[in-house]
Amino acid sequence: MTNKLIIGIAGYTKSGKTTLSNLLDDVFDCQIQELSDFITAETGTKSIEKALLLKQQRALLGNDILARLAIENFSDEHTIEIISGLRSYEDYKYLKKECENFVSIFIHITHETVISRNSLKHKELTPDFLKNLGKMEDEQGIGEIAKNADFIIVNDDYYPLSFEEQVDGLKNGLLGIVEANTTKSQMSVASSW
């Protein structure tokens, strides 16, 4: 079991997981692991084919395979790890069990917002494509992650607070957790003298 602070970021396709990871890295100097990179290395793509390959690999290696790979790749030089791209509830439960200081963040976004923001850059983000991809993500238990998340950010045009305003509030909450963990570590060291 690790006592590092592990920040797990979950959300549907194009919800803002990478953006959030980078914003948090600017503050905390974390190692960022994108779970889909473990699969992209196999397929060379980020698409439905990758999701299908992951489904096959989960069937062979277990539904928590990406979480296990992420833990194996933790950095010795960072005290905070970001694991971005959580979509499987089994990966979530594994991280919750194995990481004493695990904090989860779910980013909510509607398919309509994804399409309106990305239609020029990503022609493949059609309503049918997002529906099929969303169905696969739902089958993995992303909804359960959302229900159990420690923090939720709403990255939709209808929400009264901007993404950036919500991230600022999140940073303050995470700073409190980091400070509490630092104090706990210092107390632990002092009690071992």
C-alpha atoms as a PDB file:
ATOM      1  CA  MET A   1       0.000   0.000   0.000  1.00  0.00           C
ATOM      2  CA  THR A   2       1.323   3.435  -0.896  1.00  0.00           C
ATOM      3  CA  ASN A   3       0.939   6.562   1.238  1.00  0.00           C
ATOM      4  CA  LYS A   4       1.507   8.997  -1.645  1.00  0.00           C
ATOM      5  CA  LEU A   5      -1.369  11.276  -2.558  1.00  0.00           C
ATOM      6  CA  ILE A   6      -3.023   9.682  -5.577  1.00  0.00           C
ATOM      7  CA  ILE A   7      -5.455  11.808  -7.558  1.00  0.00           C
ATOM      8  CA  GLY A   8      -7.710   9.778  -9.826  1.00  0.00           C
ATOM      9  CA  ILE A   9      -9.486  11.721 -12.558  1.00  0.00           C
ATOM     10  CA  ALA A  10     -12.514  10.197 -14.268  1.00  0.00           C
ATOM     11  CA  GLY A  11     -14.850  11.456 -16.950  1.00  0.00           C
ATOM     12  CA  TYR A  12     -16.286  10.694 -20.338  1.00  0.00           C
ATOM     13  CA  THR A  13     -14.391  11.321 -23.569  1.00  0.00           C
ATOM     14  CA  LYS A  14     -13.289  14.947 -24.035  1.00  0.00           C
ATOM     15  CA  SER A  15     -14.578  15.994 -20.593  1.00  0.00           C
ATOM     16  CA  GLY A  16     -11.371  17.844 -19.657  1.00  0.00           C
ATOM     17  CA  LYS A  17      -9.329  15.172 -17.865  1.00  0.00           C
ATOM     18  CA  THR A  18      -6.032  16.082 -19.544  1.00  0.00           C
ATOM     19  CA  THR A  19      -6.635  19.800 -19.034  1.00  0.00           C
ATOM     20  CA  LEU A  20      -7.346  19.240 -15.329  1.00  0.00           C
ATOM     21  CA  SER A  21      -4.275  17.002 -14.973  1.00  0.00           C
ATOM     22  CA  ASN A  22      -2.038  19.693 -16.455  1.00  0.00           C
ATOM     23  CA  LEU A  23      -3.557  22.446 -14.287  1.00  0.00           C
ATOM     24  CA  LEU A  24      -2.979  20.365 -11.143  1.00  0.00           C
ATOM     25  CA  ASP A  25       0.559  19.518 -12.254  1.00  0.00           C
ATOM     26  CA  ASP A  26       1.292  23.259 -12.506  1.00  0.00           C
ATOM     27  CA  VAL A  27       0.474  23.572  -8.794  1.00  0.00           C
ATOM     28  CA  PHE A  28       1.669  20.282  -7.311  1.00  0.00           C
ATOM     29  CA  ASP A  29       4.471  19.044  -9.633  1.00  0.00           C
ATOM     30  CA  CYS A  30       2.954  15.589 -10.027  1.00  0.00           C
ATOM     31  CA  GLN A  31       3.644  12.622 -12.194  1.00  0.00           C
ATOM     32  CA  ILE A  32       0.729  12.237 -14.612  1.00  0.00           C
ATOM     33  CA  GLN A  33      -0.229   8.824 -15.902  1.00  0.00           C
ATOM     34  CA  GLU A  34      -2.864   8.689 -18.615  1.00  0.00           C
ATOM     35  CA  LEU A  35      -4.442   5.238 -18.395  1.00  0.00           C
ATOM     36  CA  SER A  36      -5.258   5.150 -22.086  1.00  0.00           C
ATOM     37  CA  ASP A  37      -1.521   5.414 -22.848  1.00  0.00           C
ATOM     38  CA  PHE A  38      -1.128   1.818 -21.690  1.00  0.00           C
ATOM     39  CA  ILE A  39      -3.501   0.796 -24.498  1.00  0.00           C
ATOM     40  CA  THR A  40      -2.410   3.368 -27.083  1.00  0.00           C
ATOM     41  CA  ALA A  41       1.046   1.800 -26.980  1.00  0.00           C
ATOM     42  CA  GLU A  42      -0.585  -1.425 -28.184  1.00  0.00           C
ATOM     43  CA  THR A  43      -2.883   0.016 -30.854  1.00  0.00           C
ATOM     44  CA  GLY A  44      -1.283   3.307 -31.866  1.00  0.00           C
ATOM     45  CA  THR A  45      -4.732   4.894 -31.807  1.00  0.00           C
ATOM     46  CA  LYS A  46      -7.243   6.519 -29.504  1.00  0.00           C
ATOM     47  CA  SER A  47     -10.587   5.282 -30.772  1.00  0.00           C
ATOM     48  CA  ILE A  48     -13.302   2.672 -30.535  1.00  0.00           C
ATOM     49  CA  GLU A  49     -10.724   0.046 -31.588  1.00  0.00           C
ATOM     50  CA  LYS A  50      -8.690   0.905 -28.511  1.00  0.00           C
ATOM     51  CA  ALA A  51     -11.763   0.581 -26.298  1.00  0.00           C
ATOM     52  CA  LEU A  52     -12.500  -2.831 -27.796  1.00  0.00           C
ATOM     53  CA  LEU A  53      -8.904  -3.978 -27.261  1.00  0.00           C
ATOM     54  CA  LEU A  54      -9.071  -2.804 -23.646  1.00  0.00           C
ATOM     55  CA  LYS A  55     -12.277  -4.787 -23.173  1.00  0.00           C
ATOM     56  CA  GLN A  56     -10.461  -7.909 -24.425  1.00  0.00           C
ATOM     57  CA  GLN A  57      -7.445  -7.248 -22.199  1.00  0.00           C
ATOM     58  CA  ARG A  58      -9.656  -6.733 -19.153  1.00  0.00           C
ATOM     59  CA  ALA A  59     -11.292 -10.095 -19.865  1.00  0.00           C
ATOM     60  CA  LEU A  60      -7.852 -11.755 -19.968  1.00  0.00           C
ATOM     61  CA  LEU A  61      -5.956  -9.841 -17.265  1.00  0.00           C
ATOM     62  CA  GLY A  62      -8.673  -8.598 -14.922  1.00  0.00           C
ATOM     63  CA  ASN A  63     -10.889  -5.531 -14.829  1.00  0.00           C
ATOM     64  CA  ASP A  64      -8.393  -3.640 -12.660  1.00  0.00           C
ATOM     65  CA  ILE A  65      -5.429  -4.118 -15.014  1.00  0.00           C
ATOM     66  CA  LEU A  66      -4.891  -0.425 -15.752  1.00  0.00           C
ATOM     67  CA  ALA A  67      -4.834   0.497 -12.061  1.00  0.00           C
ATOM     68  CA  ARG A  68      -2.290  -2.241 -11.405  1.00  0.00           C
ATOM     69  CA  LEU A  69      -0.117  -0.973 -14.272  1.00  0.00           C
ATOM     70  CA  ALA A  70      -0.385   2.596 -12.971  1.00  0.00           C
ATOM     71  CA  ILE A  71       0.755   1.594  -9.471  1.00  0.00           C
ATOM     72  CA  GLU A  72       3.708  -0.313 -10.955  1.00  0.00           C
ATOM     73  CA  ASN A  73       4.729   2.903 -12.718  1.00  0.00           C
ATOM     74  CA  PHE A  74       4.620   5.233  -9.704  1.00  0.00           C
ATOM     75  CA  SER A  75       7.569   7.607  -9.594  1.00  0.00           C
ATOM     76  CA  ASP A  76       9.973   7.624  -6.646  1.00  0.00           C
ATOM     77  CA  GLU A  77      10.656  11.333  -7.108  1.00  0.00           C
ATOM     78  CA  HIS A  78       7.047  12.572  -6.860  1.00  0.00           C
ATOM     79  CA  THR A  79       4.877  12.591  -3.742  1.00  0.00           C
ATOM     80  CA  ILE A  80       1.711  13.140  -5.768  1.00  0.00           C
ATOM     81  CA  GLU A  81       0.552  11.000  -8.685  1.00  0.00           C
ATOM     82  CA  ILE A  82      -2.272  11.833 -11.048  1.00  0.00           C
ATOM     83  CA  ILE A  83      -4.001   8.922 -12.710  1.00  0.00           C
ATOM     84  CA  SER A  84      -6.116  10.345 -15.486  1.00  0.00           C
ATOM     85  CA  GLY A  85      -8.666   8.495 -17.552  1.00  0.00           C
ATOM     86  CA  LEU A  86     -10.328   6.324 -14.926  1.00  0.00           C
ATOM     87  CA  ARG A  87     -13.327   4.677 -16.548  1.00  0.00           C
ATOM     88  CA  SER A  88     -13.531   1.264 -14.900  1.00  0.00           C
ATOM     89  CA  TYR A  89     -15.094   0.975 -11.468  1.00  0.00           C
ATOM     90  CA  GLU A  90     -12.788  -2.002 -10.854  1.00  0.00           C
ATOM     91  CA  ASP A  91      -9.734   0.229 -11.457  1.00  0.00           C
ATOM     92  CA  TYR A  92     -11.265   2.805  -9.083  1.00  0.00           C
ATOM     93  CA  LYS A  93     -11.881   0.203  -6.338  1.00  0.00           C
ATOM     94  CA  TYR A  94      -8.348  -1.181  -6.712  1.00  0.00           C
ATOM     95  CA  LEU A  95      -6.805   2.286  -6.316  1.00  0.00           C
ATOM     96  CA  LYS A  96      -9.077   3.029  -3.350  1.00  0.00           C
ATOM     97  CA  LYS A  97      -7.943  -0.224  -1.695  1.00  0.00           C
ATOM     98  CA  GLU A  98      -4.209   0.022  -2.492  1.00  0.00           C
ATOM     99  CA  CYS A  99      -3.636   3.761  -2.035  1.00  0.00           C
ATOM    100  CA  GLU A 100      -4.102   5.069   1.486  1.00  0.00           C
ATOM    101  CA  ASN A 101      -4.446   8.663   0.253  1.00  0.00           C
ATOM    102  CA  PHE A 102      -6.623   8.309  -2.835  1.00  0.00           C
ATOM    103  CA  VAL A 103      -8.765  11.224  -3.963  1.00  0.00           C
ATOM    104  CA  SER A 104     -11.140  10.891  -6.903  1.00  0.00           C
ATOM    105  CA  ILE A 105     -12.435  13.616  -9.187  1.00  0.00           C
ATOM    106  CA  PHE A 106     -15.216  13.149 -11.730  1.00  0.00           C
ATOM    107  CA  ILE A 107     -15.663  15.633 -14.577  1.00  0.00           C
ATOM    108  CA  HIS A 108     -19.217  15.824 -15.875  1.00  0.00           C
ATOM    109  CA  ILE A 109     -19.920  16.911 -19.447  1.00  0.00           C
ATOM    110  CA  THR A 110     -22.824  16.280 -21.836  1.00  0.00           C
ATOM    111  CA  HIS A 111     -22.378  14.814 -25.312  1.00  0.00           C
ATOM    112  CA  GLU A 112     -23.926  17.990 -26.739  1.00  0.00           C
ATOM    113  CA  THR A 113     -21.205  20.125 -25.157  1.00  0.00           C
ATOM    114  CA  VAL A 114     -18.473  17.771 -26.412  1.00  0.00           C
ATOM    115  CA  ILE A 115     -19.838  17.984 -29.938  1.00  0.00           C
ATOM    116  CA  SER A 116     -20.284  21.770 -29.907  1.00  0.00           C
ATOM    117  CA  ARG A 117     -16.764  22.378 -28.572  1.00  0.00           C
ATOM    118  CA  ASN A 118     -14.940  19.809 -30.694  1.00  0.00           C
ATOM    119  CA  SER A 119     -16.842  19.426 -33.964  1.00  0.00           C
ATOM    120  CA  LEU A 120     -14.310  21.393 -36.020  1.00  0.00           C
ATOM    121  CA  LYS A 121     -11.202  19.763 -34.523  1.00  0.00           C
ATOM    122  CA  HIS A 122     -12.499  16.205 -34.215  1.00  0.00           C
ATOM    123  CA  LYS A 123     -14.826  15.211 -37.041  1.00  0.00           C
ATOM    124  CA  GLU A 124     -15.117  11.681 -35.608  1.00  0.00           C
ATOM    125  CA  LEU A 125     -17.019  13.003 -32.565  1.00  0.00           C
ATOM    126  CA  THR A 126     -20.428  12.415 -34.065  1.00  0.00           C
ATOM    127  CA  PRO A 127     -23.469  11.771 -31.865  1.00  0.00           C
ATOM    128  CA  ASP A 128     -23.403   8.065 -32.833  1.00  0.00           C
ATOM    129  CA  PHE A 129     -19.683   7.746 -32.055  1.00  0.00           C
ATOM    130  CA  LEU A 130     -20.118   9.381 -28.628  1.00  0.00           C
ATOM    131  CA  LYS A 131     -23.193   7.276 -27.896  1.00  0.00           C
ATOM    132  CA  ASN A 132     -21.291   4.037 -28.657  1.00  0.00           C
ATOM    133  CA  LEU A 133     -18.220   5.136 -26.728  1.00  0.00           C
ATOM    134  CA  GLY A 134     -20.366   6.316 -23.816  1.00  0.00           C
ATOM    135  CA  LYS A 135     -22.131   2.958 -23.751  1.00  0.00           C
ATOM    136  CA  MET A 136     -18.770   1.165 -23.444  1.00  0.00           C
ATOM    137  CA  GLU A 137     -17.695   3.565 -20.678  1.00  0.00           C
ATOM    138  CA  ASP A 138     -21.004   2.968 -18.879  1.00  0.00           C
ATOM    139  CA  GLU A 139     -20.476  -0.800 -19.111  1.00  0.00           C
ATOM    140  CA  GLN A 140     -17.123  -0.354 -17.344  1.00  0.00           C
ATOM    141  CA  GLY A 141     -18.839   1.404 -14.426  1.00  0.00           C
ATOM    142  CA  ILE A 142     -17.951   5.053 -14.956  1.00  0.00           C
ATOM    143  CA  GLY A 143     -21.315   5.987 -13.430  1.00  0.00           C
ATOM    144  CA  GLU A 144     -20.315   4.266 -10.176  1.00  0.00           C
ATOM    145  CA  ILE A 145     -17.117   6.317 -10.118  1.00  0.00           C
ATOM    146  CA  ALA A 146     -19.212   9.465 -10.534  1.00  0.00           C
ATOM    147  CA  LYS A 147     -21.468   8.448  -7.622  1.00  0.00           C
ATOM    148  CA  ASN A 148     -18.493   7.814  -5.339  1.00  0.00           C
ATOM    149  CA  ALA A 149     -16.203  10.675  -6.411  1.00  0.00           C
ATOM    150  CA  ASP A 150     -14.701  12.895  -3.729  1.00  0.00           C
ATOM    151  CA  PHE A 151     -15.000  15.928  -6.027  1.00  0.00           C
ATOM    152  CA  ILE A 152     -17.162  16.637  -9.079  1.00  0.00           C
ATOM    153  CA  ILE A 153     -16.449  19.306 -11.657  1.00  0.00           C
ATOM    154  CA  VAL A 154     -19.164  20.251 -14.133  1.00  0.00           C
ATOM    155  CA  ASN A 155     -17.560  21.187 -17.446  1.00  0.00           C
ATOM    156  CA  ASP A 156     -20.716  22.210 -19.260  1.00  0.00           C
ATOM    157  CA  ASP A 157     -21.804  25.489 -20.764  1.00  0.00           C
ATOM    158  CA  TYR A 158     -25.005  25.620 -18.668  1.00  0.00           C
ATOM    159  CA  TYR A 159     -23.254  25.474 -15.269  1.00  0.00           C
ATOM    160  CA  PRO A 160     -22.937  28.856 -13.496  1.00  0.00           C
ATOM    161  CA  LEU A 161     -19.289  28.377 -12.458  1.00  0.00           C
ATOM    162  CA  SER A 162     -16.632  28.121 -15.145  1.00  0.00           C
ATOM    163  CA  PHE A 163     -14.310  25.135 -15.354  1.00  0.00           C
ATOM    164  CA  GLU A 164     -11.446  27.377 -14.173  1.00  0.00           C
ATOM    165  CA  GLU A 165     -13.408  28.642 -11.142  1.00  0.00           C
ATOM    166  CA  GLN A 166     -14.212  25.078 -10.115  1.00  0.00           C
ATOM    167  CA  VAL A 167     -10.587  24.013 -10.578  1.00  0.00           C
ATOM    168  CA  ASP A 168      -9.448  26.892  -8.335  1.00  0.00           C
ATOM    169  CA  GLY A 169     -11.775  25.613  -5.601  1.00  0.00           C
ATOM    170  CA  LEU A 170     -10.529  22.072  -6.169  1.00  0.00           C
ATOM    171  CA  LYS A 171      -6.902  23.207  -5.862  1.00  0.00           C
ATOM    172  CA  ASN A 172      -7.687  24.741  -2.467  1.00  0.00           C
ATOM    173  CA  GLY A 173      -9.317  21.517  -1.309  1.00  0.00           C
ATOM    174  CA  LEU A 174      -6.369  19.450  -2.517  1.00  0.00           C
ATOM    175  CA  LEU A 175      -3.890  21.833  -0.850  1.00  0.00           C
ATOM    176  CA  GLY A 176      -5.660  21.109   2.446  1.00  0.00           C
ATOM    177  CA  ILE A 177      -5.279  17.362   1.846  1.00  0.00           C
ATOM    178  CA  VAL A 178      -1.596  17.772   0.942  1.00  0.00           C
ATOM    179  CA  GLU A 179      -0.975  19.817   4.102  1.00  0.00           C
ATOM    180  CA  ALA A 180      -2.790  17.232   6.248  1.00  0.00           C
ATOM    181  CA  ASN A 181      -0.746  14.404   4.679  1.00  0.00           C
ATOM    182  CA  THR A 182       2.498  16.339   5.247  1.00  0.00           C
ATOM    183  CA  THR A 183       1.609  16.888   8.913  1.00  0.00           C
ATOM    184  CA  LYS A 184       0.646  13.216   9.292  1.00  0.00           C
ATOM    185  CA  SER A 185       3.983  12.142   7.747  1.00  0.00           C
ATOM    186  CA  GLN A 186       5.941  14.481  10.015  1.00  0.00           C
ATOM    187  CA  MET A 187       4.100  13.145  13.073  1.00  0.00           C
ATOM    188  CA  SER A 188       4.815   9.595  11.968  1.00  0.00           C
ATOM    189  CA  VAL A 189       8.545  10.337  11.585  1.00  0.00           C
ATOM    190  CA  ALA A 190       8.681  12.122  14.944  1.00  0.00           C
ATOM    191  CA  SER A 191       6.948   9.236  16.736  1.00  0.00           C
ATOM    192  CA  SER A 192       9.517   6.787  15.330  1.00  0.00           C
ATOM    193  CA  TRP A 193      12.368   8.637  17.074  1.00  0.00           C
END
